[in-house]
Every structure is written in structure tokens, then in C-alpha cells.
Amino acid sequence: MELTTNATTPSPDPPPAAINTSPTNRTSSEAQEGDEEGNNKKEEWVKKMRGWLMVLTVLSASVTYQAGLNPPGGFWQDDLQSSNFTQGHTAGNPVLATKNPIRYGIFFSFNASAFVMSLIIIVLLLKPSFFHEELRLNLLRNFLVGNIISLVVAFAVGCSHDLKSSGASVLSTIFISILYVKWEVWRSERKMLRRRIM
């Protein structure tokens, strides 16, 4: 006689192949969590960086705009006809343009380029997705470096009274800036090389 029981017998454990304990599956889920955490940190960094760059760029645009409206030395307040002993000038023209046209030309060129670069950077920063591609970030970095160089050169030329001292300031600034740019290029190339190796 055969006994039948309705009691449920415990089912055997699934075979080890059916259990999802493989290291690749665990690392892929951990990698996804790590990627999400990295993306969150990157988004936070992008927001902070955009804010700071926007503040600094608006400050740069304000300074260069003001310097364009009120150049070093100011403006002539009266008209003076030129004679054998004096150089003439017209009211409303920059004093520096009359006294030292080369220095004024250098100042005006670099101040205007810094102003335009500031406006371009502001427009680039208005689009949040701009920070997600490396080529665009390099473009932004180049505009920032160009803006800083233009500001420093305009400041050096506008502050000194003779062309020799302003020329030394400009040349040293350009030399330091070229060294900085070369160092940044070398560093970014090394970073890209490391990414390719990995």
C-alpha cells in the first residue's frame, strides 16, 4: 500500500548556475551605481562651475566696457588747434590717442577683444549642455585664456606711462601665458593617452 502525503517537500535549491552571484553581474550593477554617482557629482560640478564662470565673465565684461567708455587718461575737454609748438586735439577724443597713438591702439585692441570674448563666453555658458563635450570645453578654455591674456595686456598698456615698461609687462605676460597654454595642452594630451591605454 502506498502512502501519499500532501505535505510539501522542500524544493531543492536551484543549481549554482541559476543563482546570480557572478562577479560580472555584481560589478556591472555596482558600476552603474558608480556611474550614476559620478554623473551626479559631474552635474553638481557643472552647475557650480557655470555659476562661477558666469560671475567672473560678467565682471570682465563690465570692466572692459567701462575701460572702453573711459580710457586711461580720459578725454579732451576742449578743442585746440594745432600750431608749430602744440599738437591739436578735439573735445571728446581720448587723450592717450593724441599723446601716444601706438599705446592707445594696443590698449583699445586688447580691451575690445577681451570685451568680445567675455560676451562670447557668456553666450556659451547660457547653454547647460555645453559642458558635456570635451571639444566644447576646450573651446571654452581657449576663450577664457584669451580673455585673461587680453585683460592683462590691456591693463599693462593702460597703466604704464611709457611704451618700454608696458612692452616689458606685455611680453612677460605673453611668455607666461604661452607657457601655461603649452603645459595645459601637454597635460590634456597625457590625460587622453591614459584614457586610450585604459
N, C-alpha and C. Protein backbone atom coordinates (compact mmCIF):
# COMPACT_ATOMS: atom_id res chain seq x y z
N MET A 1 0.81 -1.16 0.00
CA MET A 1 0.00 0.00 0.00
C MET A 1 0.86 1.25 0.00
N GLU A 2 0.46 2.11 -0.78
CA GLU A 2 1.26 3.29 -1.00
C GLU A 2 0.69 4.46 -0.21
N LEU A 3 1.49 5.10 0.52
CA LEU A 3 1.06 6.27 1.28
C LEU A 3 1.31 7.53 0.48
N THR A 4 0.34 8.34 0.44
CA THR A 4 0.55 9.64 -0.22
C THR A 4 0.37 10.72 0.83
N THR A 5 1.21 11.64 0.78
CA THR A 5 1.11 12.76 1.73
C THR A 5 0.94 14.05 0.95
N ASN A 6 0.20 14.90 1.53
CA ASN A 6 0.01 16.22 0.91
C ASN A 6 1.05 17.23 1.40
N ALA A 7 1.84 16.83 2.29
CA ALA A 7 2.84 17.77 2.80
C ALA A 7 3.82 18.12 1.68
N THR A 8 4.12 19.34 1.65
CA THR A 8 5.03 19.81 0.62
C THR A 8 6.46 19.53 1.05
N THR A 9 7.13 18.95 0.16
CA THR A 9 8.54 18.72 0.44
C THR A 9 9.32 19.93 -0.05
N PRO A 10 10.28 20.30 0.72
CA PRO A 10 11.04 21.46 0.28
C PRO A 10 11.72 21.19 -1.05
N SER A 11 11.59 22.19 -1.92
CA SER A 11 12.21 22.02 -3.23
C SER A 11 13.71 22.18 -3.10
N PRO A 12 14.40 21.46 -3.89
CA PRO A 12 15.86 21.58 -3.79
C PRO A 12 16.31 22.97 -4.23
N ASP A 13 17.43 23.38 -3.71
CA ASP A 13 17.99 24.70 -4.09
C ASP A 13 18.29 24.70 -5.57
N PRO A 14 18.11 25.86 -6.17
CA PRO A 14 18.45 25.92 -7.59
C PRO A 14 19.93 25.66 -7.79
N PRO A 15 20.27 25.18 -8.93
CA PRO A 15 21.68 24.90 -9.17
C PRO A 15 22.50 26.20 -9.12
N PRO A 16 23.74 26.08 -8.78
CA PRO A 16 24.58 27.28 -8.65
C PRO A 16 24.59 28.13 -9.91
N ALA A 17 24.39 27.55 -11.06
CA ALA A 17 24.41 28.34 -12.29
C ALA A 17 23.21 29.27 -12.36
N ALA A 18 22.10 28.89 -11.71
CA ALA A 18 20.91 29.71 -11.78
C ALA A 18 20.97 30.88 -10.82
N ILE A 19 21.77 30.79 -9.80
CA ILE A 19 21.89 31.90 -8.84
C ILE A 19 22.77 32.97 -9.47
N ASN A 20 22.33 34.19 -9.33
CA ASN A 20 23.00 35.32 -9.97
C ASN A 20 24.07 35.87 -9.03
N THR A 21 25.15 35.15 -8.86
CA THR A 21 26.21 35.62 -7.98
C THR A 21 27.51 35.83 -8.73
N SER A 22 27.44 35.88 -10.01
CA SER A 22 28.68 36.04 -10.77
C SER A 22 29.26 37.42 -10.53
N PRO A 23 30.58 37.52 -10.44
CA PRO A 23 31.20 38.81 -10.18
C PRO A 23 30.90 39.83 -11.27
N THR A 24 30.71 39.38 -12.50
CA THR A 24 30.45 40.35 -13.56
C THR A 24 29.11 41.02 -13.37
N ASN A 25 28.10 40.29 -12.93
CA ASN A 25 26.80 40.90 -12.71
C ASN A 25 26.84 41.87 -11.53
N ARG A 26 27.56 41.51 -10.48
CA ARG A 26 27.64 42.40 -9.34
C ARG A 26 28.41 43.67 -9.71
N THR A 27 29.50 43.50 -10.42
CA THR A 27 30.28 44.68 -10.76
C THR A 27 29.55 45.56 -11.75
N SER A 28 28.72 45.00 -12.62
CA SER A 28 28.01 45.86 -13.56
C SER A 28 26.97 46.70 -12.83
N SER A 29 26.28 46.11 -11.84
CA SER A 29 25.32 46.92 -11.08
C SER A 29 26.04 47.93 -10.22
N GLU A 30 27.17 47.52 -9.64
CA GLU A 30 27.96 48.47 -8.87
C GLU A 30 28.52 49.55 -9.79
N ALA A 31 28.90 49.16 -10.98
CA ALA A 31 29.42 50.14 -11.93
C ALA A 31 28.34 51.13 -12.33
N GLN A 32 27.10 50.64 -12.50
CA GLN A 32 26.01 51.56 -12.83
C GLN A 32 25.77 52.54 -11.70
N GLU A 33 25.81 52.05 -10.44
CA GLU A 33 25.65 52.94 -9.30
C GLU A 33 26.80 53.95 -9.25
N GLY A 34 28.01 53.45 -9.54
CA GLY A 34 29.17 54.35 -9.56
C GLY A 34 29.05 55.39 -10.66
N ASP A 35 28.55 54.96 -11.84
CA ASP A 35 28.35 55.90 -12.95
C ASP A 35 27.31 56.96 -12.58
N GLU A 36 26.22 56.52 -11.93
CA GLU A 36 25.19 57.47 -11.53
C GLU A 36 25.74 58.46 -10.51
N GLU A 37 26.53 57.96 -9.56
CA GLU A 37 27.13 58.84 -8.57
C GLU A 37 28.11 59.80 -9.23
N GLY A 38 28.90 59.28 -10.17
CA GLY A 38 29.84 60.14 -10.91
C GLY A 38 29.12 61.18 -11.73
N ASN A 39 28.01 60.79 -12.36
CA ASN A 39 27.23 61.76 -13.14
C ASN A 39 26.63 62.83 -12.25
N ASN A 40 26.15 62.42 -11.05
CA ASN A 40 25.60 63.41 -10.11
C ASN A 40 26.66 64.40 -9.67
N LYS A 41 27.86 63.89 -9.39
CA LYS A 41 28.96 64.78 -9.00
C LYS A 41 29.34 65.71 -10.15
N LYS A 42 29.35 65.17 -11.35
CA LYS A 42 29.70 65.98 -12.51
C LYS A 42 28.66 67.07 -12.73
N GLU A 43 27.37 66.71 -12.61
CA GLU A 43 26.30 67.71 -12.77
C GLU A 43 26.42 68.81 -11.73
N GLU A 44 26.74 68.42 -10.49
CA GLU A 44 26.91 69.41 -9.43
C GLU A 44 28.09 70.32 -9.73
N TRP A 45 29.19 69.71 -10.21
CA TRP A 45 30.37 70.49 -10.56
C TRP A 45 30.06 71.45 -11.70
N VAL A 46 29.30 70.97 -12.69
CA VAL A 46 28.94 71.80 -13.84
C VAL A 46 28.14 73.01 -13.38
N LYS A 47 27.17 72.80 -12.49
CA LYS A 47 26.36 73.92 -12.00
C LYS A 47 27.21 74.94 -11.27
N LYS A 48 28.08 74.47 -10.38
CA LYS A 48 28.95 75.39 -9.64
C LYS A 48 29.90 76.13 -10.58
N MET A 49 30.51 75.38 -11.49
CA MET A 49 31.49 75.99 -12.39
C MET A 49 30.82 77.00 -13.31
N ARG A 50 29.64 76.67 -13.83
CA ARG A 50 28.92 77.63 -14.68
C ARG A 50 28.63 78.91 -13.91
N GLY A 51 28.23 78.77 -12.66
CA GLY A 51 27.93 79.95 -11.85
C GLY A 51 29.15 80.82 -11.65
N TRP A 52 30.27 80.20 -11.26
CA TRP A 52 31.49 80.97 -11.03
C TRP A 52 32.02 81.60 -12.33
N LEU A 53 32.01 80.83 -13.39
CA LEU A 53 32.49 81.38 -14.66
C LEU A 53 31.60 82.52 -15.14
N MET A 54 30.30 82.39 -14.91
CA MET A 54 29.39 83.46 -15.32
C MET A 54 29.68 84.74 -14.53
N VAL A 55 29.90 84.62 -13.22
CA VAL A 55 30.20 85.79 -12.39
C VAL A 55 31.49 86.46 -12.86
N LEU A 56 32.54 85.66 -13.06
CA LEU A 56 33.83 86.22 -13.47
C LEU A 56 33.76 86.83 -14.87
N THR A 57 33.02 86.20 -15.76
CA THR A 57 32.92 86.71 -17.12
C THR A 57 32.10 88.00 -17.18
N VAL A 58 31.04 88.07 -16.40
CA VAL A 58 30.26 89.32 -16.34
C VAL A 58 31.11 90.44 -15.74
N LEU A 59 31.92 90.11 -14.73
CA LEU A 59 32.83 91.11 -14.17
C LEU A 59 33.83 91.58 -15.22
N SER A 60 34.37 90.65 -15.98
CA SER A 60 35.31 91.00 -17.04
C SER A 60 34.65 91.88 -18.10
N ALA A 61 33.43 91.52 -18.48
CA ALA A 61 32.71 92.33 -19.48
C ALA A 61 32.45 93.73 -18.94
N SER A 62 32.11 93.84 -17.66
CA SER A 62 31.85 95.16 -17.05
C SER A 62 33.11 96.02 -17.01
N VAL A 63 34.22 95.39 -16.63
CA VAL A 63 35.48 96.14 -16.54
C VAL A 63 35.92 96.63 -17.92
N THR A 64 35.85 95.77 -18.90
CA THR A 64 36.30 96.17 -20.24
C THR A 64 35.34 97.18 -20.87
N TYR A 65 34.07 97.06 -20.57
CA TYR A 65 33.09 98.04 -21.08
C TYR A 65 33.38 99.42 -20.48
N GLN A 66 33.63 99.44 -19.18
CA GLN A 66 33.94 100.70 -18.51
C GLN A 66 35.25 101.30 -19.02
N ALA A 67 36.25 100.45 -19.22
CA ALA A 67 37.53 100.94 -19.74
C ALA A 67 37.39 101.46 -21.17
N GLY A 68 36.47 100.88 -21.93
CA GLY A 68 36.22 101.39 -23.28
C GLY A 68 35.54 102.74 -23.27
N LEU A 69 34.63 102.94 -22.32
CA LEU A 69 33.94 104.23 -22.21
C LEU A 69 34.81 105.31 -21.59
N ASN A 70 35.74 104.91 -20.74
CA ASN A 70 36.62 105.86 -20.07
C ASN A 70 38.06 105.36 -20.15
N PRO A 71 38.74 105.56 -21.28
CA PRO A 71 40.10 105.02 -21.44
C PRO A 71 41.10 105.73 -20.53
N PRO A 72 42.27 105.14 -20.35
CA PRO A 72 43.29 105.76 -19.50
C PRO A 72 43.63 107.17 -20.01
N GLY A 73 43.68 108.11 -19.12
CA GLY A 73 43.97 109.50 -19.49
C GLY A 73 42.71 110.31 -19.73
N GLY A 74 41.59 109.65 -19.91
CA GLY A 74 40.33 110.36 -20.09
C GLY A 74 40.18 110.93 -21.50
N PHE A 75 39.32 111.95 -21.60
CA PHE A 75 39.02 112.59 -22.88
C PHE A 75 39.37 114.06 -22.81
N TRP A 76 39.68 114.63 -23.96
CA TRP A 76 39.92 116.06 -24.03
C TRP A 76 38.61 116.79 -23.77
N GLN A 77 38.70 117.87 -23.00
CA GLN A 77 37.51 118.65 -22.66
C GLN A 77 37.33 119.87 -23.55
N ASP A 78 38.37 120.20 -24.31
CA ASP A 78 38.30 121.40 -25.15
C ASP A 78 38.92 121.11 -26.51
N ASP A 79 38.73 122.03 -27.43
CA ASP A 79 39.35 121.94 -28.76
C ASP A 79 40.60 122.79 -28.75
N LEU A 80 41.62 122.30 -29.42
CA LEU A 80 42.86 123.06 -29.56
C LEU A 80 43.36 122.87 -30.97
N GLN A 81 43.55 123.99 -31.64
CA GLN A 81 44.08 123.95 -33.00
C GLN A 81 45.58 123.70 -32.94
N SER A 82 46.06 122.89 -33.85
CA SER A 82 47.50 122.61 -33.85
C SER A 82 48.24 123.81 -34.40
N SER A 83 49.42 123.99 -33.85
CA SER A 83 50.30 125.07 -34.31
C SER A 83 51.70 124.50 -34.40
N ASN A 84 52.67 125.37 -34.58
CA ASN A 84 54.06 124.91 -34.68
C ASN A 84 54.56 124.32 -33.37
N PHE A 85 54.01 124.76 -32.25
CA PHE A 85 54.53 124.34 -30.94
C PHE A 85 53.64 123.33 -30.22
N THR A 86 52.39 123.24 -30.61
CA THR A 86 51.48 122.34 -29.90
C THR A 86 50.76 121.42 -30.89
N GLN A 87 50.43 120.28 -30.38
CA GLN A 87 49.66 119.32 -31.17
C GLN A 87 48.18 119.57 -30.87
N GLY A 88 47.38 119.66 -31.88
CA GLY A 88 45.96 119.94 -31.69
C GLY A 88 45.18 118.72 -31.26
N HIS A 89 44.00 118.98 -30.71
CA HIS A 89 43.11 117.90 -30.32
C HIS A 89 41.68 118.40 -30.37
N THR A 90 40.76 117.46 -30.33
CA THR A 90 39.34 117.77 -30.40
C THR A 90 38.66 117.28 -29.12
N ALA A 91 37.72 118.05 -28.62
CA ALA A 91 36.99 117.65 -27.41
C ALA A 91 36.28 116.33 -27.65
N GLY A 92 36.37 115.44 -26.66
CA GLY A 92 35.72 114.14 -26.76
C GLY A 92 36.62 113.03 -27.26
N ASN A 93 37.77 113.37 -27.82
CA ASN A 93 38.73 112.33 -28.25
C ASN A 93 39.58 111.91 -27.06
N PRO A 94 40.03 110.64 -27.03
CA PRO A 94 40.88 110.18 -25.93
C PRO A 94 42.22 110.91 -25.90
N VAL A 95 42.64 111.29 -24.71
CA VAL A 95 43.93 111.96 -24.54
C VAL A 95 45.06 111.03 -24.95
N LEU A 96 44.97 109.77 -24.56
CA LEU A 96 46.02 108.81 -24.88
C LEU A 96 46.19 108.63 -26.39
N ALA A 97 45.09 108.71 -27.14
CA ALA A 97 45.17 108.56 -28.60
C ALA A 97 45.96 109.70 -29.22
N THR A 98 45.89 110.88 -28.62
CA THR A 98 46.63 112.03 -29.13
C THR A 98 48.08 111.99 -28.68
N LYS A 99 48.30 111.67 -27.42
CA LYS A 99 49.66 111.70 -26.86
C LYS A 99 50.51 110.52 -27.30
N ASN A 100 49.91 109.34 -27.35
CA ASN A 100 50.65 108.13 -27.70
C ASN A 100 49.74 107.19 -28.49
N PRO A 101 49.62 107.42 -29.81
CA PRO A 101 48.66 106.63 -30.60
C PRO A 101 48.94 105.13 -30.63
N ILE A 102 50.21 104.73 -30.59
CA ILE A 102 50.53 103.30 -30.62
C ILE A 102 50.03 102.63 -29.35
N ARG A 103 50.33 103.24 -28.22
CA ARG A 103 49.89 102.68 -26.94
C ARG A 103 48.36 102.62 -26.87
N TYR A 104 47.70 103.66 -27.35
CA TYR A 104 46.24 103.66 -27.34
C TYR A 104 45.69 102.56 -28.26
N GLY A 105 46.32 102.38 -29.41
CA GLY A 105 45.87 101.33 -30.34
C GLY A 105 45.99 99.95 -29.73
N ILE A 106 47.11 99.70 -29.03
CA ILE A 106 47.30 98.40 -28.36
C ILE A 106 46.25 98.23 -27.26
N PHE A 107 46.07 99.28 -26.45
CA PHE A 107 45.08 99.21 -25.37
C PHE A 107 43.69 98.95 -25.92
N PHE A 108 43.30 99.72 -26.93
CA PHE A 108 41.96 99.60 -27.47
C PHE A 108 41.73 98.22 -28.08
N SER A 109 42.72 97.70 -28.80
CA SER A 109 42.57 96.38 -29.44
C SER A 109 42.39 95.27 -28.41
N PHE A 110 43.24 95.25 -27.40
CA PHE A 110 43.15 94.18 -26.41
C PHE A 110 41.94 94.36 -25.50
N ASN A 111 41.57 95.58 -25.18
CA ASN A 111 40.38 95.81 -24.37
C ASN A 111 39.13 95.38 -25.13
N ALA A 112 39.05 95.73 -26.40
CA ALA A 112 37.90 95.35 -27.21
C ALA A 112 37.83 93.83 -27.39
N SER A 113 38.97 93.18 -27.60
CA SER A 113 38.95 91.72 -27.76
C SER A 113 38.55 91.04 -26.45
N ALA A 114 38.98 91.57 -25.30
CA ALA A 114 38.56 91.00 -24.02
C ALA A 114 37.06 91.17 -23.82
N PHE A 115 36.52 92.31 -24.23
CA PHE A 115 35.08 92.54 -24.11
C PHE A 115 34.29 91.56 -24.98
N VAL A 116 34.72 91.39 -26.22
CA VAL A 116 34.02 90.49 -27.13
C VAL A 116 34.14 89.04 -26.65
N MET A 117 35.32 88.64 -26.19
CA MET A 117 35.47 87.28 -25.67
C MET A 117 34.60 87.05 -24.45
N SER A 118 34.46 88.07 -23.60
CA SER A 118 33.58 87.94 -22.43
C SER A 118 32.15 87.70 -22.88
N LEU A 119 31.70 88.43 -23.89
CA LEU A 119 30.34 88.23 -24.39
C LEU A 119 30.16 86.84 -24.98
N ILE A 120 31.16 86.35 -25.70
CA ILE A 120 31.08 85.01 -26.28
C ILE A 120 31.01 83.96 -25.17
N ILE A 121 31.82 84.12 -24.14
CA ILE A 121 31.82 83.16 -23.03
C ILE A 121 30.46 83.17 -22.33
N ILE A 122 29.88 84.34 -22.14
CA ILE A 122 28.56 84.43 -21.51
C ILE A 122 27.53 83.65 -22.34
N VAL A 123 27.57 83.83 -23.64
CA VAL A 123 26.62 83.12 -24.51
C VAL A 123 26.86 81.61 -24.43
N LEU A 124 28.12 81.18 -24.40
CA LEU A 124 28.42 79.75 -24.30
C LEU A 124 27.96 79.17 -22.97
N LEU A 125 28.07 79.95 -21.89
CA LEU A 125 27.67 79.45 -20.58
C LEU A 125 26.16 79.38 -20.39
N LEU A 126 25.42 80.05 -21.23
CA LEU A 126 23.96 80.03 -21.10
C LEU A 126 23.37 78.67 -21.43
N LYS A 127 24.09 77.87 -22.19
CA LYS A 127 23.58 76.54 -22.57
C LYS A 127 24.21 75.49 -21.66
N PRO A 128 23.41 74.88 -20.76
CA PRO A 128 23.97 73.92 -19.80
C PRO A 128 24.60 72.69 -20.46
N SER A 129 24.09 72.26 -21.59
CA SER A 129 24.64 71.06 -22.21
C SER A 129 26.00 71.32 -22.86
N PHE A 130 26.45 72.54 -22.84
CA PHE A 130 27.74 72.87 -23.43
C PHE A 130 28.89 72.17 -22.72
N PHE A 131 28.72 71.85 -21.44
CA PHE A 131 29.79 71.26 -20.65
C PHE A 131 29.94 69.76 -20.86
N HIS A 132 29.11 69.15 -21.69
CA HIS A 132 29.12 67.70 -21.79
C HIS A 132 30.04 67.15 -22.88
N GLU A 133 30.66 67.98 -23.67
CA GLU A 133 31.58 67.50 -24.70
C GLU A 133 32.95 68.13 -24.49
N GLU A 134 33.97 67.31 -24.64
CA GLU A 134 35.33 67.77 -24.36
C GLU A 134 35.80 68.83 -25.36
N LEU A 135 35.41 68.70 -26.61
CA LEU A 135 35.79 69.69 -27.62
C LEU A 135 35.24 71.06 -27.26
N ARG A 136 34.01 71.09 -26.81
CA ARG A 136 33.40 72.36 -26.41
C ARG A 136 34.08 72.93 -25.17
N LEU A 137 34.46 72.07 -24.24
CA LEU A 137 35.18 72.54 -23.06
C LEU A 137 36.53 73.13 -23.44
N ASN A 138 37.20 72.52 -24.41
CA ASN A 138 38.48 73.07 -24.87
C ASN A 138 38.28 74.43 -25.52
N LEU A 139 37.19 74.58 -26.28
CA LEU A 139 36.87 75.87 -26.88
C LEU A 139 36.64 76.92 -25.81
N LEU A 140 35.88 76.55 -24.79
CA LEU A 140 35.61 77.47 -23.68
C LEU A 140 36.90 77.83 -22.96
N ARG A 141 37.76 76.84 -22.73
CA ARG A 141 39.03 77.09 -22.05
C ARG A 141 39.89 78.05 -22.87
N ASN A 142 39.92 77.88 -24.19
CA ASN A 142 40.70 78.78 -25.04
C ASN A 142 40.17 80.21 -24.98
N PHE A 143 38.84 80.35 -25.00
CA PHE A 143 38.27 81.69 -24.87
C PHE A 143 38.60 82.31 -23.52
N LEU A 144 38.58 81.51 -22.46
CA LEU A 144 38.91 82.03 -21.13
C LEU A 144 40.37 82.48 -21.05
N VAL A 145 41.26 81.65 -21.59
CA VAL A 145 42.68 82.02 -21.58
C VAL A 145 42.91 83.28 -22.43
N GLY A 146 42.28 83.35 -23.60
CA GLY A 146 42.39 84.54 -24.44
C GLY A 146 41.84 85.78 -23.76
N ASN A 147 40.75 85.61 -23.04
CA ASN A 147 40.15 86.73 -22.31
C ASN A 147 41.10 87.23 -21.23
N ILE A 148 41.69 86.33 -20.49
CA ILE A 148 42.60 86.72 -19.41
C ILE A 148 43.84 87.40 -19.98
N ILE A 149 44.39 86.85 -21.06
CA ILE A 149 45.57 87.47 -21.69
C ILE A 149 45.22 88.87 -22.18
N SER A 150 44.08 89.03 -22.82
CA SER A 150 43.68 90.34 -23.32
C SER A 150 43.48 91.34 -22.18
N LEU A 151 42.88 90.89 -21.09
CA LEU A 151 42.70 91.77 -19.94
C LEU A 151 44.03 92.23 -19.36
N VAL A 152 44.95 91.28 -19.21
CA VAL A 152 46.25 91.62 -18.61
C VAL A 152 47.03 92.56 -19.52
N VAL A 153 47.02 92.31 -20.81
CA VAL A 153 47.75 93.18 -21.74
C VAL A 153 47.13 94.58 -21.75
N ALA A 154 45.81 94.66 -21.80
CA ALA A 154 45.15 95.98 -21.77
C ALA A 154 45.46 96.70 -20.48
N PHE A 155 45.48 96.00 -19.37
CA PHE A 155 45.81 96.61 -18.09
C PHE A 155 47.25 97.11 -18.07
N ALA A 156 48.18 96.27 -18.56
CA ALA A 156 49.60 96.65 -18.55
C ALA A 156 49.84 97.87 -19.43
N VAL A 157 49.22 97.90 -20.60
CA VAL A 157 49.43 99.03 -21.51
C VAL A 157 48.74 100.28 -20.99
N GLY A 158 47.57 100.12 -20.38
CA GLY A 158 46.83 101.27 -19.89
C GLY A 158 47.41 101.88 -18.63
N CYS A 159 48.13 101.10 -17.83
CA CYS A 159 48.63 101.60 -16.54
C CYS A 159 50.00 102.27 -16.63
N SER A 160 50.84 101.83 -17.53
CA SER A 160 52.19 102.39 -17.58
C SER A 160 52.22 103.64 -18.46
N HIS A 161 53.18 104.50 -18.18
CA HIS A 161 53.25 105.78 -18.89
C HIS A 161 54.16 105.77 -20.11
N ASP A 162 54.99 104.78 -20.21
CA ASP A 162 55.84 104.71 -21.40
C ASP A 162 55.71 103.33 -22.02
N LEU A 163 56.00 103.27 -23.28
CA LEU A 163 55.80 102.04 -24.04
C LEU A 163 56.79 100.95 -23.65
N LYS A 164 58.00 101.35 -23.19
CA LYS A 164 59.00 100.34 -22.83
C LYS A 164 58.56 99.52 -21.63
N SER A 165 58.08 100.18 -20.59
CA SER A 165 57.65 99.43 -19.40
C SER A 165 56.40 98.61 -19.69
N SER A 166 55.48 99.18 -20.47
CA SER A 166 54.28 98.41 -20.81
C SER A 166 54.64 97.26 -21.75
N GLY A 167 55.63 97.47 -22.62
CA GLY A 167 56.08 96.41 -23.51
C GLY A 167 56.69 95.25 -22.74
N ALA A 168 57.48 95.58 -21.70
CA ALA A 168 58.05 94.52 -20.87
C ALA A 168 56.96 93.75 -20.14
N SER A 169 55.95 94.46 -19.66
CA SER A 169 54.83 93.80 -18.97
C SER A 169 54.07 92.90 -19.94
N VAL A 170 53.83 93.41 -21.13
CA VAL A 170 53.08 92.65 -22.12
C VAL A 170 53.87 91.40 -22.54
N LEU A 171 55.15 91.56 -22.80
CA LEU A 171 55.96 90.41 -23.22
C LEU A 171 56.06 89.35 -22.14
N SER A 172 56.23 89.79 -20.89
CA SER A 172 56.29 88.80 -19.81
C SER A 172 54.95 88.11 -19.63
N THR A 173 53.86 88.84 -19.78
CA THR A 173 52.53 88.23 -19.68
C THR A 173 52.31 87.22 -20.80
N ILE A 174 52.67 87.59 -22.01
CA ILE A 174 52.50 86.68 -23.15
C ILE A 174 53.37 85.43 -22.98
N PHE A 175 54.61 85.61 -22.50
CA PHE A 175 55.51 84.49 -22.28
C PHE A 175 54.93 83.52 -21.25
N ILE A 176 54.45 84.06 -20.13
CA ILE A 176 53.87 83.21 -19.08
C ILE A 176 52.61 82.53 -19.59
N SER A 177 51.81 83.25 -20.37
CA SER A 177 50.58 82.67 -20.90
C SER A 177 50.88 81.54 -21.88
N ILE A 178 51.89 81.72 -22.73
CA ILE A 178 52.27 80.67 -23.68
C ILE A 178 52.75 79.43 -22.92
N LEU A 179 53.54 79.64 -21.87
CA LEU A 179 53.98 78.50 -21.06
C LEU A 179 52.79 77.78 -20.44
N TYR A 180 51.84 78.55 -19.95
CA TYR A 180 50.66 77.94 -19.34
C TYR A 180 49.86 77.14 -20.36
N VAL A 181 49.65 77.71 -21.54
CA VAL A 181 48.88 77.01 -22.58
C VAL A 181 49.60 75.73 -23.00
N LYS A 182 50.92 75.80 -23.17
CA LYS A 182 51.67 74.60 -23.55
C LYS A 182 51.57 73.53 -22.47
N TRP A 183 51.63 73.94 -21.21
CA TRP A 183 51.50 73.00 -20.11
C TRP A 183 50.11 72.36 -20.11
N GLU A 184 49.06 73.15 -20.35
CA GLU A 184 47.69 72.62 -20.39
C GLU A 184 47.52 71.64 -21.55
N VAL A 185 48.09 71.97 -22.70
CA VAL A 185 48.00 71.07 -23.86
C VAL A 185 48.72 69.76 -23.55
N TRP A 186 49.90 69.85 -22.97
CA TRP A 186 50.66 68.65 -22.63
C TRP A 186 49.89 67.80 -21.62
N ARG A 187 49.28 68.44 -20.63
CA ARG A 187 48.52 67.73 -19.61
C ARG A 187 47.28 67.05 -20.19
N SER A 188 46.58 67.76 -21.07
CA SER A 188 45.38 67.16 -21.68
C SER A 188 45.75 66.01 -22.62
N GLU A 189 46.88 66.12 -23.32
CA GLU A 189 47.32 65.02 -24.19
C GLU A 189 47.68 63.80 -23.36
N ARG A 190 48.32 64.01 -22.22
CA ARG A 190 48.64 62.89 -21.33
C ARG A 190 47.38 62.23 -20.80
N LYS A 191 46.38 63.05 -20.46
CA LYS A 191 45.12 62.52 -19.96
C LYS A 191 44.42 61.69 -21.03
N MET A 192 44.42 62.18 -22.27
CA MET A 192 43.79 61.44 -23.36
C MET A 192 44.55 60.14 -23.64
N LEU A 193 45.87 60.17 -23.54
CA LEU A 193 46.67 58.98 -23.74
C LEU A 193 46.37 57.93 -22.67
N ARG A 194 46.20 58.37 -21.43
CA ARG A 194 45.84 57.44 -20.36
C ARG A 194 44.49 56.80 -20.61
N ARG A 195 43.54 57.59 -21.11
CA ARG A 195 42.22 57.04 -21.40
C ARG A 195 42.29 55.99 -22.49
N ARG A 196 43.11 56.21 -23.50
CA ARG A 196 43.25 55.23 -24.58
C ARG A 196 43.88 53.93 -24.08
N ILE A 197 44.83 54.05 -23.16
CA ILE A 197 45.51 52.87 -22.63
C ILE A 197 44.54 52.06 -21.79
N MET A 198 43.71 52.73 -21.02
CA MET A 198 42.75 52.01 -20.17
C MET A 198 41.68 51.44 -21.02
